[in-house]
Amino acid sequence: MFLGTYEYTIDPKGRLFLPAKLRGGESTKGGNFVVTRGLEMCLYIYGAETFHGPLLKRLENLPVKNQQDGRAFKRLLLAGAQEVALDEMGRVVIPKTLIEYGGLKKDVFILGVGERIELWDAARWNAYSKKAAGTFQKMGKNLEI
């Protein structure tokens, strides 16, 4: 399980250092990841084993009433996906098309959010997290956690 928030920079070649706490575990054996488009204009990073196993199985059985919507979602998620591997310094190269999709500049936030890692442009994350704070408080009260 991926947890935590980390502030890093992405270099001009698209290389991103992944924190050691996010590099270990069963889903990231061999240092292989899959990066793809995420919701709210961030990027999702999955351990390759999670992406090729449980995630793809869930995509085959999407709970949608309109199959055309399901196909569109799968196309955009999978067509945007790229396999990446850690280099000897613990970095991955984020493809240029995904950097553009996420609007990533130099400063980024790396979030561990359970089964995946999210990569956000720093300014976009700051704006989003402020906006989502009310939802967090409301849901926390309703869930009593």
N, C-alpha and C. Protein backbone atom coordinates (compact mmCIF):
# COMPACT_ATOMS: atom_id res chain seq x y z
N MET A 1 0.84 -1.18 0.00
CA MET A 1 0.00 0.00 0.00
C MET A 1 0.89 1.24 0.00
N PHE A 2 0.54 2.19 -0.85
CA PHE A 2 1.29 3.42 -0.96
C PHE A 2 0.66 4.48 -0.07
N LEU A 3 1.49 5.15 0.74
CA LEU A 3 1.01 6.18 1.65
C LEU A 3 1.96 7.37 1.66
N GLY A 4 1.43 8.54 1.98
CA GLY A 4 2.28 9.71 2.21
C GLY A 4 2.23 10.74 1.10
N THR A 5 2.79 11.91 1.43
CA THR A 5 2.90 13.02 0.49
C THR A 5 4.34 13.46 0.46
N TYR A 6 4.87 13.64 -0.75
CA TYR A 6 6.28 13.98 -0.94
C TYR A 6 6.38 15.10 -1.97
N GLU A 7 7.24 16.06 -1.69
CA GLU A 7 7.49 17.15 -2.63
C GLU A 7 8.81 16.88 -3.33
N TYR A 8 8.77 16.86 -4.65
CA TYR A 8 9.97 16.61 -5.45
C TYR A 8 9.97 17.51 -6.67
N THR A 9 11.00 17.37 -7.48
CA THR A 9 11.06 18.09 -8.75
C THR A 9 11.21 17.08 -9.87
N ILE A 10 10.71 17.47 -11.01
CA ILE A 10 10.88 16.67 -12.22
C ILE A 10 11.88 17.42 -13.08
N ASP A 11 12.89 16.73 -13.58
CA ASP A 11 13.94 17.44 -14.32
C ASP A 11 13.54 17.66 -15.78
N PRO A 12 14.30 18.45 -16.52
CA PRO A 12 13.94 18.75 -17.91
C PRO A 12 13.85 17.53 -18.82
N LYS A 13 14.48 16.42 -18.42
CA LYS A 13 14.40 15.18 -19.21
C LYS A 13 13.21 14.32 -18.81
N GLY A 14 12.39 14.82 -17.87
CA GLY A 14 11.22 14.07 -17.44
C GLY A 14 11.51 13.02 -16.38
N ARG A 15 12.69 13.09 -15.77
CA ARG A 15 13.05 12.11 -14.75
C ARG A 15 12.51 12.55 -13.39
N LEU A 16 11.95 11.60 -12.68
CA LEU A 16 11.37 11.84 -11.37
C LEU A 16 11.91 10.83 -10.39
N PHE A 17 12.44 11.30 -9.28
CA PHE A 17 12.91 10.44 -8.21
C PHE A 17 11.70 9.97 -7.41
N LEU A 18 11.55 8.67 -7.28
CA LEU A 18 10.48 8.13 -6.45
C LEU A 18 11.02 7.86 -5.05
N PRO A 19 10.34 8.36 -4.03
CA PRO A 19 10.80 8.11 -2.66
C PRO A 19 10.93 6.61 -2.39
N ALA A 20 11.91 6.25 -1.58
CA ALA A 20 12.18 4.84 -1.28
C ALA A 20 10.94 4.14 -0.72
N LYS A 21 10.15 4.84 0.10
CA LYS A 21 8.95 4.24 0.68
C LYS A 21 7.92 3.84 -0.37
N LEU A 22 8.00 4.44 -1.54
CA LEU A 22 7.05 4.11 -2.61
C LEU A 22 7.62 3.12 -3.62
N ARG A 23 8.86 2.75 -3.45
CA ARG A 23 9.51 1.84 -4.40
C ARG A 23 9.45 0.38 -3.96
N GLY A 24 9.18 0.13 -2.70
CA GLY A 24 9.20 -1.24 -2.20
C GLY A 24 7.83 -1.86 -2.23
N GLY A 25 7.76 -3.12 -1.91
CA GLY A 25 6.48 -3.81 -1.81
C GLY A 25 6.25 -4.78 -2.94
N GLU A 26 5.23 -5.59 -2.75
CA GLU A 26 4.92 -6.67 -3.68
C GLU A 26 4.56 -6.17 -5.08
N SER A 27 3.81 -5.07 -5.17
CA SER A 27 3.32 -4.63 -6.48
C SER A 27 4.40 -3.98 -7.33
N THR A 28 5.57 -3.69 -6.74
CA THR A 28 6.62 -3.01 -7.49
C THR A 28 7.88 -3.86 -7.61
N LYS A 29 7.73 -5.16 -7.53
CA LYS A 29 8.89 -6.05 -7.68
C LYS A 29 9.60 -5.73 -8.99
N GLY A 30 10.89 -5.65 -8.94
CA GLY A 30 11.67 -5.38 -10.14
C GLY A 30 11.72 -3.92 -10.52
N GLY A 31 11.07 -3.05 -9.76
CA GLY A 31 11.11 -1.62 -10.06
C GLY A 31 10.34 -1.22 -11.29
N ASN A 32 9.32 -1.99 -11.65
CA ASN A 32 8.53 -1.68 -12.84
C ASN A 32 7.20 -1.06 -12.45
N PHE A 33 6.85 0.00 -13.16
CA PHE A 33 5.63 0.74 -12.91
C PHE A 33 4.90 1.00 -14.22
N VAL A 34 3.63 1.35 -14.12
CA VAL A 34 2.85 1.82 -15.26
C VAL A 34 2.33 3.19 -14.90
N VAL A 35 2.60 4.17 -15.77
CA VAL A 35 2.13 5.55 -15.58
C VAL A 35 1.03 5.79 -16.60
N THR A 36 -0.06 6.41 -16.16
CA THR A 36 -1.15 6.70 -17.08
C THR A 36 -1.90 7.95 -16.64
N ARG A 37 -2.85 8.35 -17.46
CA ARG A 37 -3.69 9.50 -17.15
C ARG A 37 -4.51 9.19 -15.90
N GLY A 38 -4.66 10.20 -15.07
CA GLY A 38 -5.52 10.07 -13.91
C GLY A 38 -6.67 11.04 -14.00
N LEU A 39 -7.52 10.99 -13.01
CA LEU A 39 -8.63 11.92 -12.94
C LEU A 39 -8.16 13.22 -12.30
N GLU A 40 -8.91 14.28 -12.49
CA GLU A 40 -8.56 15.61 -11.99
C GLU A 40 -7.21 16.10 -12.52
N MET A 41 -6.81 15.62 -13.69
CA MET A 41 -5.59 16.08 -14.38
C MET A 41 -4.30 15.76 -13.64
N CYS A 42 -4.28 14.66 -12.91
CA CYS A 42 -3.03 14.19 -12.33
C CYS A 42 -2.63 12.92 -13.09
N LEU A 43 -1.51 12.34 -12.72
CA LEU A 43 -1.09 11.06 -13.31
C LEU A 43 -1.22 9.99 -12.25
N TYR A 44 -1.57 8.79 -12.69
CA TYR A 44 -1.60 7.63 -11.82
C TYR A 44 -0.37 6.78 -12.12
N ILE A 45 0.26 6.29 -11.07
CA ILE A 45 1.40 5.39 -11.21
C ILE A 45 1.07 4.13 -10.42
N TYR A 46 1.04 3.01 -11.11
CA TYR A 46 0.75 1.72 -10.49
C TYR A 46 1.99 0.85 -10.54
N GLY A 47 2.13 -0.01 -9.52
CA GLY A 47 3.11 -1.08 -9.64
C GLY A 47 2.68 -1.94 -10.82
N ALA A 48 3.62 -2.40 -11.62
CA ALA A 48 3.27 -3.14 -12.84
C ALA A 48 2.41 -4.37 -12.53
N GLU A 49 2.69 -5.05 -11.45
CA GLU A 49 1.92 -6.25 -11.12
C GLU A 49 0.47 -5.90 -10.79
N THR A 50 0.25 -4.80 -10.10
CA THR A 50 -1.12 -4.36 -9.79
C THR A 50 -1.84 -3.96 -11.07
N PHE A 51 -1.15 -3.23 -11.93
CA PHE A 51 -1.78 -2.76 -13.16
C PHE A 51 -2.16 -3.93 -14.06
N HIS A 52 -1.24 -4.85 -14.25
CA HIS A 52 -1.48 -5.97 -15.17
C HIS A 52 -2.35 -7.07 -14.58
N GLY A 53 -2.59 -7.02 -13.28
CA GLY A 53 -3.40 -8.04 -12.62
C GLY A 53 -4.76 -7.51 -12.25
N PRO A 54 -4.92 -7.12 -10.98
CA PRO A 54 -6.25 -6.73 -10.49
C PRO A 54 -6.88 -5.55 -11.23
N LEU A 55 -6.09 -4.57 -11.62
CA LEU A 55 -6.67 -3.40 -12.28
C LEU A 55 -7.27 -3.77 -13.64
N LEU A 56 -6.54 -4.50 -14.45
CA LEU A 56 -7.08 -4.88 -15.76
C LEU A 56 -8.32 -5.75 -15.63
N LYS A 57 -8.36 -6.59 -14.61
CA LYS A 57 -9.56 -7.42 -14.38
C LYS A 57 -10.76 -6.54 -14.04
N ARG A 58 -10.54 -5.49 -13.22
CA ARG A 58 -11.64 -4.57 -12.89
C ARG A 58 -12.11 -3.82 -14.13
N LEU A 59 -11.18 -3.49 -15.03
CA LEU A 59 -11.56 -2.77 -16.25
C LEU A 59 -12.44 -3.63 -17.16
N GLU A 60 -12.27 -4.95 -17.10
CA GLU A 60 -13.09 -5.84 -17.92
C GLU A 60 -14.54 -5.88 -17.45
N ASN A 61 -14.77 -5.52 -16.20
CA ASN A 61 -16.11 -5.59 -15.63
C ASN A 61 -16.54 -4.24 -15.06
N LEU A 62 -16.34 -3.19 -15.81
CA LEU A 62 -16.71 -1.85 -15.33
C LEU A 62 -18.21 -1.78 -15.07
N PRO A 63 -18.59 -1.24 -13.92
CA PRO A 63 -20.02 -1.14 -13.59
C PRO A 63 -20.65 0.09 -14.24
N VAL A 64 -20.81 0.05 -15.55
CA VAL A 64 -21.40 1.19 -16.27
C VAL A 64 -22.65 0.71 -17.00
N LYS A 65 -23.64 1.60 -17.07
CA LYS A 65 -24.87 1.28 -17.79
C LYS A 65 -24.66 1.44 -19.29
N ASN A 66 -23.82 2.40 -19.66
CA ASN A 66 -23.58 2.69 -21.06
C ASN A 66 -22.21 2.10 -21.45
N GLN A 67 -22.23 1.05 -22.23
CA GLN A 67 -20.97 0.38 -22.61
C GLN A 67 -20.06 1.28 -23.42
N GLN A 68 -20.63 2.23 -24.16
CA GLN A 68 -19.82 3.17 -24.92
C GLN A 68 -18.97 4.02 -23.97
N ASP A 69 -19.53 4.44 -22.84
CA ASP A 69 -18.76 5.18 -21.84
C ASP A 69 -17.64 4.31 -21.27
N GLY A 70 -17.95 3.06 -21.00
CA GLY A 70 -16.93 2.14 -20.49
C GLY A 70 -15.78 1.97 -21.46
N ARG A 71 -16.11 1.82 -22.74
CA ARG A 71 -15.05 1.68 -23.75
C ARG A 71 -14.22 2.94 -23.85
N ALA A 72 -14.85 4.10 -23.79
CA ALA A 72 -14.12 5.37 -23.87
C ALA A 72 -13.17 5.51 -22.69
N PHE A 73 -13.64 5.17 -21.49
CA PHE A 73 -12.78 5.26 -20.31
C PHE A 73 -11.58 4.33 -20.46
N LYS A 74 -11.81 3.08 -20.84
CA LYS A 74 -10.71 2.12 -20.99
C LYS A 74 -9.73 2.58 -22.06
N ARG A 75 -10.23 3.09 -23.17
CA ARG A 75 -9.34 3.56 -24.23
C ARG A 75 -8.40 4.65 -23.75
N LEU A 76 -8.96 5.66 -23.08
CA LEU A 76 -8.13 6.77 -22.65
C LEU A 76 -7.15 6.36 -21.56
N LEU A 77 -7.60 5.51 -20.64
CA LEU A 77 -6.70 5.05 -19.58
C LEU A 77 -5.57 4.20 -20.14
N LEU A 78 -5.92 3.23 -20.98
CA LEU A 78 -4.91 2.29 -21.48
C LEU A 78 -4.06 2.86 -22.60
N ALA A 79 -4.65 3.67 -23.47
CA ALA A 79 -3.86 4.26 -24.56
C ALA A 79 -2.83 5.25 -24.02
N GLY A 80 -3.13 5.85 -22.89
CA GLY A 80 -2.19 6.78 -22.28
C GLY A 80 -1.16 6.12 -21.39
N ALA A 81 -1.29 4.82 -21.17
CA ALA A 81 -0.41 4.11 -20.23
C ALA A 81 0.96 3.82 -20.85
N GLN A 82 1.99 3.96 -20.02
CA GLN A 82 3.36 3.66 -20.44
C GLN A 82 4.05 2.89 -19.32
N GLU A 83 4.74 1.84 -19.67
CA GLU A 83 5.54 1.13 -18.68
C GLU A 83 6.86 1.87 -18.49
N VAL A 84 7.25 2.02 -17.23
CA VAL A 84 8.51 2.68 -16.90
C VAL A 84 9.22 1.82 -15.86
N ALA A 85 10.53 1.95 -15.83
CA ALA A 85 11.33 1.18 -14.86
C ALA A 85 12.23 2.13 -14.09
N LEU A 86 12.49 1.78 -12.85
CA LEU A 86 13.43 2.57 -12.05
C LEU A 86 14.83 2.43 -12.61
N ASP A 87 15.56 3.55 -12.64
CA ASP A 87 16.97 3.46 -12.98
C ASP A 87 17.77 3.20 -11.71
N GLU A 88 19.08 3.16 -11.82
CA GLU A 88 19.94 2.84 -10.67
C GLU A 88 19.87 3.90 -9.58
N MET A 89 19.34 5.08 -9.89
CA MET A 89 19.24 6.15 -8.89
C MET A 89 17.84 6.27 -8.29
N GLY A 90 16.94 5.35 -8.66
CA GLY A 90 15.59 5.39 -8.12
C GLY A 90 14.66 6.35 -8.84
N ARG A 91 14.97 6.63 -10.12
CA ARG A 91 14.14 7.55 -10.90
C ARG A 91 13.38 6.79 -11.98
N VAL A 92 12.27 7.38 -12.38
CA VAL A 92 11.54 6.92 -13.56
C VAL A 92 11.46 8.09 -14.53
N VAL A 93 11.34 7.77 -15.80
CA VAL A 93 11.16 8.81 -16.81
C VAL A 93 9.68 8.87 -17.15
N ILE A 94 9.11 10.04 -16.93
CA ILE A 94 7.70 10.26 -17.25
C ILE A 94 7.62 10.69 -18.72
N PRO A 95 6.85 9.98 -19.54
CA PRO A 95 6.74 10.34 -20.96
C PRO A 95 6.21 11.76 -21.15
N LYS A 96 6.71 12.40 -22.19
CA LYS A 96 6.37 13.79 -22.46
C LYS A 96 4.86 14.00 -22.61
N THR A 97 4.18 13.07 -23.28
CA THR A 97 2.73 13.23 -23.46
C THR A 97 2.00 13.24 -22.12
N LEU A 98 2.49 12.46 -21.17
CA LEU A 98 1.85 12.44 -19.85
C LEU A 98 2.23 13.67 -19.03
N ILE A 99 3.45 14.17 -19.19
CA ILE A 99 3.84 15.42 -18.53
C ILE A 99 2.92 16.54 -19.00
N GLU A 100 2.65 16.57 -20.30
CA GLU A 100 1.76 17.59 -20.85
C GLU A 100 0.34 17.41 -20.35
N TYR A 101 -0.16 16.18 -20.33
CA TYR A 101 -1.51 15.91 -19.84
C TYR A 101 -1.68 16.42 -18.40
N GLY A 102 -0.71 16.12 -17.54
CA GLY A 102 -0.79 16.51 -16.14
C GLY A 102 -0.39 17.95 -15.88
N GLY A 103 0.05 18.65 -16.91
CA GLY A 103 0.49 20.03 -16.73
C GLY A 103 1.66 20.14 -15.76
N LEU A 104 2.52 19.13 -15.75
CA LEU A 104 3.61 19.08 -14.79
C LEU A 104 4.70 20.09 -15.14
N LYS A 105 5.02 20.88 -14.15
CA LYS A 105 6.14 21.81 -14.27
C LYS A 105 7.29 21.21 -13.47
N LYS A 106 8.15 22.02 -12.96
CA LYS A 106 9.31 21.53 -12.20
C LYS A 106 8.91 20.92 -10.86
N ASP A 107 8.09 21.63 -10.09
CA ASP A 107 7.73 21.19 -8.74
C ASP A 107 6.48 20.32 -8.78
N VAL A 108 6.57 19.14 -8.15
CA VAL A 108 5.47 18.19 -8.15
C VAL A 108 5.23 17.62 -6.76
N PHE A 109 4.04 17.12 -6.56
CA PHE A 109 3.71 16.36 -5.36
C PHE A 109 3.49 14.92 -5.77
N ILE A 110 4.06 14.02 -5.00
CA ILE A 110 3.89 12.59 -5.18
C ILE A 110 3.07 12.10 -4.00
N LEU A 111 1.91 11.53 -4.28
CA LEU A 111 1.01 11.09 -3.22
C LEU A 111 0.86 9.58 -3.25
N GLY A 112 1.00 8.94 -2.10
CA GLY A 112 0.67 7.54 -1.99
C GLY A 112 -0.79 7.44 -1.57
N VAL A 113 -1.63 6.87 -2.42
CA VAL A 113 -3.07 6.83 -2.15
C VAL A 113 -3.61 5.40 -2.25
N GLY A 114 -3.01 4.51 -1.49
CA GLY A 114 -3.51 3.14 -1.47
C GLY A 114 -2.85 2.28 -2.51
N GLU A 115 -3.62 1.82 -3.50
CA GLU A 115 -3.08 0.91 -4.51
C GLU A 115 -2.28 1.62 -5.60
N ARG A 116 -2.28 2.94 -5.58
CA ARG A 116 -1.56 3.67 -6.62
C ARG A 116 -0.85 4.88 -6.03
N ILE A 117 0.03 5.45 -6.85
CA ILE A 117 0.71 6.70 -6.57
C ILE A 117 0.08 7.73 -7.50
N GLU A 118 -0.11 8.95 -7.01
CA GLU A 118 -0.57 10.03 -7.88
C GLU A 118 0.52 11.07 -8.00
N LEU A 119 0.66 11.63 -9.17
CA LEU A 119 1.66 12.65 -9.45
C LEU A 119 0.92 13.91 -9.88
N TRP A 120 1.13 15.00 -9.12
CA TRP A 120 0.42 16.26 -9.34
C TRP A 120 1.41 17.40 -9.54
N ASP A 121 1.08 18.31 -10.43
CA ASP A 121 1.77 19.58 -10.49
C ASP A 121 1.53 20.27 -9.16
N ALA A 122 2.56 20.90 -8.58
CA ALA A 122 2.46 21.48 -7.24
C ALA A 122 1.34 22.50 -7.12
N ALA A 123 1.24 23.42 -8.06
CA ALA A 123 0.20 24.45 -7.99
C ALA A 123 -1.18 23.82 -8.10
N ARG A 124 -1.33 22.85 -8.98
CA ARG A 124 -2.63 22.19 -9.14
C ARG A 124 -3.01 21.42 -7.87
N TRP A 125 -2.02 20.74 -7.25
CA TRP A 125 -2.31 20.00 -6.02
C TRP A 125 -2.71 20.95 -4.90
N ASN A 126 -2.01 22.07 -4.75
CA ASN A 126 -2.34 23.02 -3.70
C ASN A 126 -3.77 23.54 -3.86
N ALA A 127 -4.15 23.86 -5.08
CA ALA A 127 -5.50 24.36 -5.33
C ALA A 127 -6.54 23.26 -5.08
N TYR A 128 -6.26 22.07 -5.56
CA TYR A 128 -7.20 20.95 -5.39
C TYR A 128 -7.38 20.60 -3.91
N SER A 129 -6.28 20.50 -3.18
CA SER A 129 -6.39 20.06 -1.78
C SER A 129 -7.15 21.09 -0.93
N LYS A 130 -7.01 22.37 -1.24
CA LYS A 130 -7.79 23.39 -0.52
C LYS A 130 -9.28 23.23 -0.82
N LYS A 131 -9.59 22.99 -2.08
CA LYS A 131 -10.98 22.82 -2.49
C LYS A 131 -11.59 21.54 -1.90
N ALA A 132 -10.81 20.50 -1.80
CA ALA A 132 -11.31 19.21 -1.32
C ALA A 132 -11.38 19.12 0.21
N ALA A 133 -10.82 20.08 0.92
CA ALA A 133 -10.79 20.02 2.38
C ALA A 133 -12.20 19.95 2.98
N GLY A 134 -13.14 20.66 2.43
CA GLY A 134 -14.51 20.62 2.92
C GLY A 134 -15.13 19.24 2.76
N THR A 135 -14.89 18.63 1.62
CA THR A 135 -15.39 17.28 1.37
C THR A 135 -14.78 16.30 2.36
N PHE A 136 -13.49 16.45 2.63
CA PHE A 136 -12.81 15.59 3.59
C PHE A 136 -13.48 15.68 4.96
N GLN A 137 -13.73 16.92 5.41
CA GLN A 137 -14.35 17.11 6.73
C GLN A 137 -15.76 16.53 6.76
N LYS A 138 -16.52 16.78 5.74
CA LYS A 138 -17.90 16.29 5.68
C LYS A 138 -17.94 14.76 5.68
N MET A 139 -17.14 14.15 4.84
CA MET A 139 -17.14 12.69 4.77
C MET A 139 -16.59 12.07 6.05
N GLY A 140 -15.59 12.71 6.65
CA GLY A 140 -15.03 12.20 7.90
C GLY A 140 -16.08 12.16 9.00
N LYS A 141 -16.91 13.19 9.07
CA LYS A 141 -18.00 13.21 10.07
C LYS A 141 -19.02 12.12 9.79
N ASN A 142 -19.36 11.94 8.52
CA ASN A 142 -20.35 10.93 8.15
C ASN A 142 -19.83 9.51 8.37
N LEU A 143 -18.55 9.33 8.15
CA LEU A 143 -17.95 8.00 8.32
C LEU A 143 -17.49 7.73 9.74
N GLU A 144 -17.41 8.80 10.53
CA GLU A 144 -16.96 8.74 11.92
C GLU A 144 -15.55 8.14 12.04
N ILE A 145 -14.64 8.64 11.23
CA ILE A 145 -13.24 8.21 11.37
C ILE A 145 -12.36 9.40 11.67
